[in-house]
């Protein structure tokens, strides 16, 4: 299967870590879109790829988007959920 994608639009992030993650993900998807589409289609929640959901698709990047250490997990949890 050969897939042709539109160029991925990059957002501007003042935080270097976010900009770095965005660039890494975009480059990987541009290089091998079939890999990410296949991962998405294999997820039973996507119903074979028929159910399109951006948050579900983001989970195909779990290895890239995972925080670097457990302290990051705690910080993220505290900033998104109350109380902590």
N, C-alpha and C. Protein backbone atom coordinates (compact mmCIF):
# COMPACT_ATOMS: atom_id res chain seq x y z
N UNK A 1 0.84 -1.16 0.00
CA UNK A 1 0.00 0.00 0.00
C UNK A 1 0.90 1.23 0.00
N UNK A 2 0.68 2.11 -0.94
CA UNK A 2 1.43 3.35 -1.01
C UNK A 2 0.49 4.50 -0.69
N UNK A 3 0.90 5.36 0.20
CA UNK A 3 0.06 6.45 0.67
C UNK A 3 0.74 7.78 0.35
N UNK A 4 -0.02 8.70 -0.20
CA UNK A 4 0.48 10.05 -0.42
C UNK A 4 -0.26 10.98 0.52
N UNK A 5 0.48 11.70 1.33
CA UNK A 5 -0.10 12.62 2.30
C UNK A 5 0.17 14.06 1.91
N UNK A 6 -0.71 14.94 2.35
CA UNK A 6 -0.41 16.35 2.26
C UNK A 6 0.71 16.64 3.26
N UNK A 7 1.43 17.72 3.04
CA UNK A 7 2.48 18.08 3.97
C UNK A 7 1.86 18.35 5.34
N UNK A 8 2.48 17.86 6.37
CA UNK A 8 1.99 18.06 7.73
C UNK A 8 2.31 19.49 8.15
N UNK A 9 1.29 20.20 8.60
CA UNK A 9 1.44 21.58 9.04
C UNK A 9 1.99 21.58 10.47
N UNK A 10 3.07 22.28 10.66
CA UNK A 10 3.67 22.40 11.99
C UNK A 10 3.16 23.66 12.67
N UNK A 11 2.82 23.51 13.95
CA UNK A 11 2.44 24.67 14.77
C UNK A 11 3.70 25.23 15.42
N UNK A 12 3.64 26.47 15.83
CA UNK A 12 4.76 27.08 16.55
C UNK A 12 4.57 26.84 18.04
N UNK A 13 5.57 26.24 18.66
CA UNK A 13 5.56 26.03 20.11
C UNK A 13 6.76 26.75 20.70
N UNK A 14 6.56 27.64 21.66
CA UNK A 14 7.70 28.30 22.28
C UNK A 14 8.53 27.35 23.14
N UNK A 15 7.91 26.25 23.59
CA UNK A 15 8.64 25.27 24.41
C UNK A 15 9.43 24.34 23.48
N UNK A 16 10.72 24.26 23.73
CA UNK A 16 11.61 23.47 22.88
C UNK A 16 11.22 21.99 22.88
N UNK A 17 10.80 21.45 24.03
CA UNK A 17 10.46 20.04 24.09
C UNK A 17 9.24 19.72 23.23
N UNK A 18 8.24 20.58 23.25
CA UNK A 18 7.05 20.36 22.42
C UNK A 18 7.38 20.47 20.94
N UNK A 19 8.18 21.46 20.59
CA UNK A 19 8.58 21.64 19.19
C UNK A 19 9.36 20.42 18.70
N UNK A 20 10.20 19.89 19.56
CA UNK A 20 11.01 18.72 19.21
C UNK A 20 10.14 17.49 18.98
N UNK A 21 9.18 17.25 19.87
CA UNK A 21 8.27 16.11 19.72
C UNK A 21 7.46 16.26 18.44
N UNK A 22 6.93 17.46 18.20
CA UNK A 22 6.15 17.68 16.99
C UNK A 22 6.97 17.38 15.74
N UNK A 23 8.19 17.84 15.70
CA UNK A 23 9.04 17.63 14.52
C UNK A 23 9.38 16.15 14.35
N UNK A 24 9.67 15.47 15.45
CA UNK A 24 10.00 14.04 15.37
C UNK A 24 8.81 13.24 14.84
N UNK A 25 7.62 13.51 15.36
CA UNK A 25 6.42 12.80 14.92
C UNK A 25 6.13 13.09 13.46
N UNK A 26 6.17 14.36 13.08
CA UNK A 26 5.86 14.74 11.70
C UNK A 26 6.84 14.07 10.72
N UNK A 27 8.11 14.08 11.04
CA UNK A 27 9.10 13.45 10.15
C UNK A 27 8.87 11.95 10.01
N UNK A 28 8.58 11.30 11.13
CA UNK A 28 8.35 9.85 11.06
C UNK A 28 7.12 9.52 10.24
N UNK A 29 6.05 10.27 10.41
CA UNK A 29 4.82 10.01 9.66
C UNK A 29 5.04 10.31 8.18
N UNK A 30 5.74 11.38 7.87
CA UNK A 30 6.02 11.71 6.48
C UNK A 30 6.89 10.65 5.82
N UNK A 31 7.79 10.06 6.59
CA UNK A 31 8.69 9.04 6.06
C UNK A 31 7.98 7.69 5.88
N UNK A 32 7.12 7.32 6.84
CA UNK A 32 6.47 6.00 6.78
C UNK A 32 5.01 6.09 7.19
N UNK A 33 4.17 6.76 6.41
CA UNK A 33 2.76 6.90 6.80
C UNK A 33 2.04 5.56 6.89
N UNK A 34 2.44 4.60 6.07
CA UNK A 34 1.78 3.29 6.09
C UNK A 34 1.88 2.63 7.46
N UNK A 35 3.02 2.78 8.12
CA UNK A 35 3.22 2.19 9.44
C UNK A 35 2.19 2.71 10.44
N UNK A 36 1.99 4.01 10.46
CA UNK A 36 1.07 4.61 11.42
C UNK A 36 -0.39 4.32 11.07
N UNK A 37 -0.70 4.30 9.79
CA UNK A 37 -2.06 3.94 9.38
C UNK A 37 -2.36 2.49 9.74
N UNK A 38 -1.39 1.61 9.55
CA UNK A 38 -1.58 0.20 9.90
C UNK A 38 -1.78 0.03 11.41
N UNK A 39 -0.99 0.74 12.21
CA UNK A 39 -1.15 0.68 13.67
C UNK A 39 -2.56 1.11 14.06
N UNK A 40 -3.03 2.19 13.45
CA UNK A 40 -4.36 2.71 13.76
C UNK A 40 -5.43 1.69 13.38
N UNK A 41 -5.31 1.14 12.20
CA UNK A 41 -6.31 0.18 11.73
C UNK A 41 -6.34 -1.10 12.57
N UNK A 42 -5.19 -1.47 13.16
CA UNK A 42 -5.13 -2.67 14.00
C UNK A 42 -5.76 -2.47 15.37
N UNK A 43 -5.91 -1.22 15.78
CA UNK A 43 -6.53 -0.94 17.08
C UNK A 43 -8.02 -1.24 16.96
N UNK A 44 -8.55 -2.17 17.76
CA UNK A 44 -9.96 -2.53 17.63
C UNK A 44 -10.93 -1.36 17.84
N UNK A 45 -10.49 -0.34 18.58
CA UNK A 45 -11.35 0.82 18.80
C UNK A 45 -11.55 1.64 17.52
N UNK A 46 -10.68 1.45 16.53
CA UNK A 46 -10.82 2.20 15.27
C UNK A 46 -11.75 1.50 14.29
N UNK A 47 -12.24 0.32 14.68
CA UNK A 47 -13.13 -0.47 13.82
C UNK A 47 -12.52 -0.68 12.43
N UNK A 48 -11.27 -1.12 12.46
CA UNK A 48 -10.58 -1.39 11.20
C UNK A 48 -10.22 -0.13 10.43
N UNK A 49 -10.17 1.00 11.11
CA UNK A 49 -9.84 2.27 10.48
C UNK A 49 -11.05 3.03 9.99
N UNK A 50 -12.23 2.46 10.18
CA UNK A 50 -13.46 3.15 9.73
C UNK A 50 -13.88 4.27 10.66
N UNK A 51 -13.50 4.17 11.93
CA UNK A 51 -13.81 5.20 12.91
C UNK A 51 -12.61 6.14 13.00
N UNK A 52 -12.79 7.38 12.60
CA UNK A 52 -11.69 8.34 12.58
C UNK A 52 -11.77 9.22 13.82
N UNK A 53 -10.71 9.18 14.61
CA UNK A 53 -10.66 9.94 15.86
C UNK A 53 -9.21 10.38 16.08
N UNK A 54 -8.99 11.68 16.12
CA UNK A 54 -7.62 12.20 16.24
C UNK A 54 -6.95 11.79 17.55
N UNK A 55 -7.71 11.78 18.66
CA UNK A 55 -7.10 11.38 19.93
C UNK A 55 -6.69 9.91 19.90
N UNK A 56 -7.50 9.07 19.31
CA UNK A 56 -7.15 7.66 19.19
C UNK A 56 -5.92 7.50 18.29
N UNK A 57 -5.88 8.26 17.21
CA UNK A 57 -4.73 8.16 16.30
C UNK A 57 -3.44 8.59 17.00
N UNK A 58 -3.53 9.56 17.89
CA UNK A 58 -2.33 10.02 18.61
C UNK A 58 -1.70 8.90 19.43
N UNK A 59 -2.50 7.93 19.81
CA UNK A 59 -1.96 6.82 20.59
C UNK A 59 -1.00 5.96 19.78
N UNK A 60 -1.00 6.09 18.46
CA UNK A 60 -0.02 5.36 17.65
C UNK A 60 1.37 5.92 17.85
N UNK A 61 1.48 7.10 18.48
CA UNK A 61 2.76 7.73 18.75
C UNK A 61 3.18 7.56 20.20
N UNK A 62 2.63 6.62 20.90
CA UNK A 62 2.85 6.48 22.35
C UNK A 62 4.33 6.43 22.70
N UNK A 63 5.15 5.78 21.89
CA UNK A 63 6.57 5.67 22.21
C UNK A 63 7.27 7.03 22.14
N UNK A 64 6.78 7.94 21.34
CA UNK A 64 7.38 9.26 21.21
C UNK A 64 6.82 10.21 22.25
N UNK A 65 5.53 10.13 22.51
CA UNK A 65 4.86 11.11 23.36
C UNK A 65 4.94 10.78 24.85
N UNK A 66 5.46 9.62 25.21
CA UNK A 66 5.56 9.21 26.61
C UNK A 66 6.53 10.13 27.34
N UNK A 67 6.14 10.62 28.53
CA UNK A 67 7.06 11.46 29.30
C UNK A 67 8.37 10.73 29.56
N UNK A 68 9.44 11.48 29.69
CA UNK A 68 10.78 10.91 29.86
C UNK A 68 10.98 10.26 31.23
N UNK A 69 10.27 10.75 32.27
CA UNK A 69 10.43 10.14 33.59
C UNK A 69 9.14 10.26 34.39
N UNK A 70 9.09 9.57 35.51
CA UNK A 70 7.87 9.54 36.32
C UNK A 70 7.54 10.89 36.93
N UNK A 71 8.53 11.72 37.19
CA UNK A 71 8.26 13.06 37.72
C UNK A 71 7.41 13.85 36.73
N UNK A 72 7.67 13.65 35.42
CA UNK A 72 6.86 14.32 34.40
C UNK A 72 5.41 13.84 34.48
N UNK A 73 5.19 12.54 34.72
CA UNK A 73 3.84 12.00 34.84
C UNK A 73 3.10 12.69 35.98
N UNK A 74 3.76 12.83 37.12
CA UNK A 74 3.13 13.45 38.29
C UNK A 74 2.82 14.91 38.02
N UNK A 75 3.75 15.62 37.40
CA UNK A 75 3.53 17.03 37.08
C UNK A 75 2.36 17.18 36.13
N UNK A 76 2.30 16.34 35.11
CA UNK A 76 1.20 16.42 34.15
C UNK A 76 -0.13 16.12 34.85
N UNK A 77 -0.16 15.12 35.69
CA UNK A 77 -1.38 14.76 36.40
C UNK A 77 -1.83 15.92 37.30
N UNK A 78 -0.89 16.54 37.99
CA UNK A 78 -1.23 17.64 38.89
C UNK A 78 -1.75 18.85 38.15
N UNK A 79 -1.26 19.09 36.95
CA UNK A 79 -1.70 20.27 36.22
C UNK A 79 -3.01 20.04 35.48
N UNK A 80 -3.41 18.78 35.30
CA UNK A 80 -4.65 18.51 34.54
C UNK A 80 -5.79 18.03 35.41
N UNK A 81 -5.50 17.58 36.63
CA UNK A 81 -6.54 17.07 37.51
C UNK A 81 -6.35 17.64 38.90
N UNK A 82 -7.43 17.93 39.56
CA UNK A 82 -7.37 18.46 40.92
C UNK A 82 -8.12 17.53 41.85
N UNK A 83 -7.83 17.39 43.11
CA UNK A 83 -6.62 17.91 43.73
C UNK A 83 -5.45 16.96 43.52
N UNK A 84 -4.28 17.43 43.82
CA UNK A 84 -3.08 16.59 43.68
C UNK A 84 -2.29 16.64 44.95
